Every structure is written in structure tokens, then in C-alpha cells.
Amino acid sequence: MFNAKTGTRRPLTRLEQLIMDYVWAHPGCTADGCREGVATERALKDSTIRTILRNLEEKGYVSHKVDGR
């Protein structure tokens, strides 16, 4: 979570850093694309990748938009 008083974010875990490295290298990627992209290093379930991305959004590192209906 972003700390407004200090202007800092909470540090990333190793797994979050792996995900962020992929996201930075592939802007606009989907959760499925991200999961597939890191599969060679870490096999993650769909629910796990979505939880990590949600945590990263809460920390202020990523944002998302919903396509579809």
C-alpha cells in the first residue's frame, strides 16, 4: 500500500517482483498472459496470479481495466 506520509510503497516479495518484471516487459498484458509468461520460472494457478496482481494494484504498482460486457 502507498504511504502518503512518506511517499513510499511497501516493498515487493520475490514472487511479486517476478510478476512485475514480466508486466514491465509486456505492458498491457492480461492476467492469463502474465501467468503463461512466468510459467517457465514459476507454475502458478489462475487464482494465484490474480491474487498477486490484485495485491500489486493495492500497493500502487499496477492498474487494470475490464474489457467485455
N, C-alpha and C. Protein backbone atom coordinates (compact mmCIF):
# COMPACT_ATOMS: atom_id res chain seq x y z
N MET A 1 0.83 -1.16 0.00
CA MET A 1 0.00 0.00 0.00
C MET A 1 0.88 1.24 0.00
N PHE A 2 0.45 2.27 -0.66
CA PHE A 2 1.20 3.52 -0.75
C PHE A 2 1.07 4.29 0.55
N ASN A 3 2.17 4.75 1.08
CA ASN A 3 2.17 5.54 2.31
C ASN A 3 2.23 7.01 1.92
N ALA A 4 1.14 7.72 2.06
CA ALA A 4 1.07 9.12 1.64
C ALA A 4 1.99 10.01 2.47
N LYS A 5 2.24 9.66 3.72
CA LYS A 5 3.10 10.48 4.58
C LYS A 5 4.56 10.46 4.13
N THR A 6 5.02 9.27 3.74
CA THR A 6 6.43 9.16 3.36
C THR A 6 6.63 9.13 1.85
N GLY A 7 5.54 8.92 1.10
CA GLY A 7 5.64 8.86 -0.35
C GLY A 7 6.29 7.58 -0.85
N THR A 8 6.18 6.50 -0.07
CA THR A 8 6.80 5.24 -0.44
C THR A 8 5.75 4.14 -0.56
N ARG A 9 6.14 3.07 -1.24
CA ARG A 9 5.30 1.89 -1.37
C ARG A 9 5.90 0.76 -0.55
N ARG A 10 5.05 -0.20 -0.18
CA ARG A 10 5.57 -1.38 0.50
C ARG A 10 6.47 -2.14 -0.46
N PRO A 11 7.53 -2.75 0.05
CA PRO A 11 8.44 -3.49 -0.84
C PRO A 11 7.77 -4.72 -1.44
N LEU A 12 8.30 -5.16 -2.57
CA LEU A 12 7.77 -6.33 -3.26
C LEU A 12 8.38 -7.61 -2.73
N THR A 13 7.57 -8.68 -2.73
CA THR A 13 8.10 -10.00 -2.43
C THR A 13 8.84 -10.49 -3.68
N ARG A 14 9.55 -11.60 -3.57
CA ARG A 14 10.26 -12.15 -4.73
C ARG A 14 9.29 -12.53 -5.85
N LEU A 15 8.16 -13.12 -5.48
CA LEU A 15 7.18 -13.51 -6.48
C LEU A 15 6.54 -12.29 -7.13
N GLU A 16 6.23 -11.28 -6.33
CA GLU A 16 5.68 -10.04 -6.88
C GLU A 16 6.69 -9.39 -7.83
N GLN A 17 7.96 -9.44 -7.48
CA GLN A 17 8.99 -8.86 -8.34
C GLN A 17 9.06 -9.61 -9.67
N LEU A 18 8.94 -10.92 -9.63
CA LEU A 18 8.93 -11.71 -10.85
C LEU A 18 7.77 -11.29 -11.75
N ILE A 19 6.60 -11.13 -11.15
CA ILE A 19 5.42 -10.72 -11.91
C ILE A 19 5.61 -9.31 -12.46
N MET A 20 6.13 -8.40 -11.65
CA MET A 20 6.33 -7.02 -12.10
C MET A 20 7.35 -6.96 -13.23
N ASP A 21 8.40 -7.75 -13.17
CA ASP A 21 9.38 -7.79 -14.25
C ASP A 21 8.70 -8.17 -15.57
N TYR A 22 7.80 -9.14 -15.49
CA TYR A 22 7.08 -9.55 -16.70
C TYR A 22 6.15 -8.43 -17.18
N VAL A 23 5.41 -7.84 -16.26
CA VAL A 23 4.45 -6.78 -16.62
C VAL A 23 5.18 -5.59 -17.24
N TRP A 24 6.32 -5.19 -16.67
CA TRP A 24 7.08 -4.07 -17.22
C TRP A 24 7.60 -4.38 -18.62
N ALA A 25 7.97 -5.63 -18.86
CA ALA A 25 8.47 -6.03 -20.17
C ALA A 25 7.34 -6.22 -21.19
N HIS A 26 6.11 -6.40 -20.70
CA HIS A 26 4.96 -6.66 -21.58
C HIS A 26 3.78 -5.77 -21.16
N PRO A 27 3.87 -4.46 -21.39
CA PRO A 27 2.78 -3.56 -20.99
C PRO A 27 1.46 -3.98 -21.63
N GLY A 28 0.40 -3.87 -20.89
CA GLY A 28 -0.92 -4.21 -21.41
C GLY A 28 -1.22 -5.70 -21.39
N CYS A 29 -0.37 -6.49 -20.74
CA CYS A 29 -0.60 -7.93 -20.71
C CYS A 29 -1.83 -8.26 -19.86
N THR A 30 -2.40 -9.42 -20.12
CA THR A 30 -3.54 -9.89 -19.34
C THR A 30 -3.04 -10.77 -18.20
N ALA A 31 -3.92 -11.09 -17.27
CA ALA A 31 -3.55 -11.99 -16.18
C ALA A 31 -3.15 -13.36 -16.73
N ASP A 32 -3.90 -13.84 -17.73
CA ASP A 32 -3.54 -15.13 -18.33
C ASP A 32 -2.20 -15.06 -19.04
N GLY A 33 -1.95 -13.97 -19.76
CA GLY A 33 -0.68 -13.80 -20.43
C GLY A 33 0.48 -13.74 -19.46
N CYS A 34 0.25 -13.09 -18.36
CA CYS A 34 1.27 -12.98 -17.31
C CYS A 34 1.56 -14.36 -16.72
N ARG A 35 0.52 -15.10 -16.41
CA ARG A 35 0.68 -16.45 -15.85
C ARG A 35 1.47 -17.34 -16.81
N GLU A 36 1.11 -17.29 -18.09
CA GLU A 36 1.82 -18.09 -19.09
C GLU A 36 3.25 -17.61 -19.27
N GLY A 37 3.46 -16.30 -19.16
CA GLY A 37 4.79 -15.74 -19.36
C GLY A 37 5.79 -16.11 -18.28
N VAL A 38 5.32 -16.33 -17.06
CA VAL A 38 6.24 -16.69 -15.97
C VAL A 38 6.24 -18.18 -15.69
N ALA A 39 5.47 -18.94 -16.47
CA ALA A 39 5.32 -20.39 -16.22
C ALA A 39 6.64 -21.15 -16.26
N THR A 40 7.59 -20.68 -17.05
CA THR A 40 8.87 -21.40 -17.11
C THR A 40 9.66 -21.24 -15.82
N GLU A 41 9.40 -20.15 -15.08
CA GLU A 41 10.10 -19.94 -13.81
C GLU A 41 9.27 -20.36 -12.61
N ARG A 42 7.95 -20.12 -12.69
CA ARG A 42 7.04 -20.47 -11.59
C ARG A 42 5.70 -20.89 -12.18
N ALA A 43 5.27 -22.10 -11.89
CA ALA A 43 3.95 -22.56 -12.32
C ALA A 43 2.92 -22.06 -11.31
N LEU A 44 2.03 -21.17 -11.76
CA LEU A 44 1.05 -20.58 -10.87
C LEU A 44 -0.36 -20.86 -11.36
N LYS A 45 -1.28 -21.05 -10.44
CA LYS A 45 -2.68 -21.22 -10.80
C LYS A 45 -3.25 -19.85 -11.15
N ASP A 46 -4.36 -19.88 -11.89
CA ASP A 46 -5.01 -18.65 -12.31
C ASP A 46 -5.40 -17.79 -11.09
N SER A 47 -5.95 -18.42 -10.07
CA SER A 47 -6.36 -17.66 -8.89
C SER A 47 -5.17 -17.02 -8.18
N THR A 48 -4.03 -17.70 -8.20
CA THR A 48 -2.82 -17.16 -7.56
C THR A 48 -2.32 -15.93 -8.29
N ILE A 49 -2.25 -15.98 -9.62
CA ILE A 49 -1.75 -14.83 -10.37
C ILE A 49 -2.67 -13.64 -10.20
N ARG A 50 -3.97 -13.90 -10.17
CA ARG A 50 -4.93 -12.80 -9.99
C ARG A 50 -4.83 -12.19 -8.60
N THR A 51 -4.57 -13.02 -7.59
CA THR A 51 -4.38 -12.50 -6.23
C THR A 51 -3.12 -11.64 -6.17
N ILE A 52 -2.05 -12.09 -6.78
CA ILE A 52 -0.80 -11.32 -6.78
C ILE A 52 -1.01 -9.99 -7.50
N LEU A 53 -1.68 -10.03 -8.66
CA LEU A 53 -1.93 -8.79 -9.39
C LEU A 53 -2.83 -7.85 -8.59
N ARG A 54 -3.80 -8.38 -7.88
CA ARG A 54 -4.66 -7.56 -7.03
C ARG A 54 -3.83 -6.91 -5.91
N ASN A 55 -2.93 -7.68 -5.31
CA ASN A 55 -2.06 -7.13 -4.27
C ASN A 55 -1.16 -6.04 -4.83
N LEU A 56 -0.64 -6.25 -6.03
CA LEU A 56 0.20 -5.24 -6.67
C LEU A 56 -0.60 -3.97 -6.97
N GLU A 57 -1.86 -4.15 -7.31
CA GLU A 57 -2.71 -2.98 -7.55
C GLU A 57 -2.95 -2.22 -6.25
N GLU A 58 -3.19 -2.94 -5.16
CA GLU A 58 -3.37 -2.30 -3.86
C GLU A 58 -2.12 -1.56 -3.41
N LYS A 59 -0.96 -2.08 -3.78
CA LYS A 59 0.32 -1.43 -3.44
C LYS A 59 0.62 -0.25 -4.37
N GLY A 60 -0.15 -0.11 -5.45
CA GLY A 60 0.04 1.00 -6.36
C GLY A 60 1.00 0.75 -7.50
N TYR A 61 1.35 -0.51 -7.75
CA TYR A 61 2.31 -0.82 -8.82
C TYR A 61 1.64 -1.02 -10.17
N VAL A 62 0.41 -1.53 -10.20
CA VAL A 62 -0.30 -1.77 -11.45
C VAL A 62 -1.73 -1.27 -11.33
N SER A 63 -2.37 -1.14 -12.47
CA SER A 63 -3.80 -0.86 -12.52
C SER A 63 -4.38 -1.75 -13.60
N HIS A 64 -5.68 -1.86 -13.62
CA HIS A 64 -6.29 -2.71 -14.65
C HIS A 64 -7.57 -2.10 -15.16
N LYS A 65 -7.96 -2.58 -16.32
CA LYS A 65 -9.24 -2.20 -16.87
C LYS A 65 -9.97 -3.47 -17.24
N VAL A 66 -11.29 -3.41 -17.22
CA VAL A 66 -12.10 -4.58 -17.51
C VAL A 66 -12.67 -4.43 -18.90
N ASP A 67 -12.37 -5.40 -19.76
CA ASP A 67 -12.92 -5.43 -21.11
C ASP A 67 -14.11 -6.38 -21.13
N GLY A 68 -14.96 -6.19 -22.08
CA GLY A 68 -16.07 -7.13 -22.24
C GLY A 68 -17.40 -6.47 -21.99
N ARG A 69 -18.29 -7.23 -21.44
CA ARG A 69 -19.66 -6.78 -21.25
C ARG A 69 -19.71 -5.54 -20.48
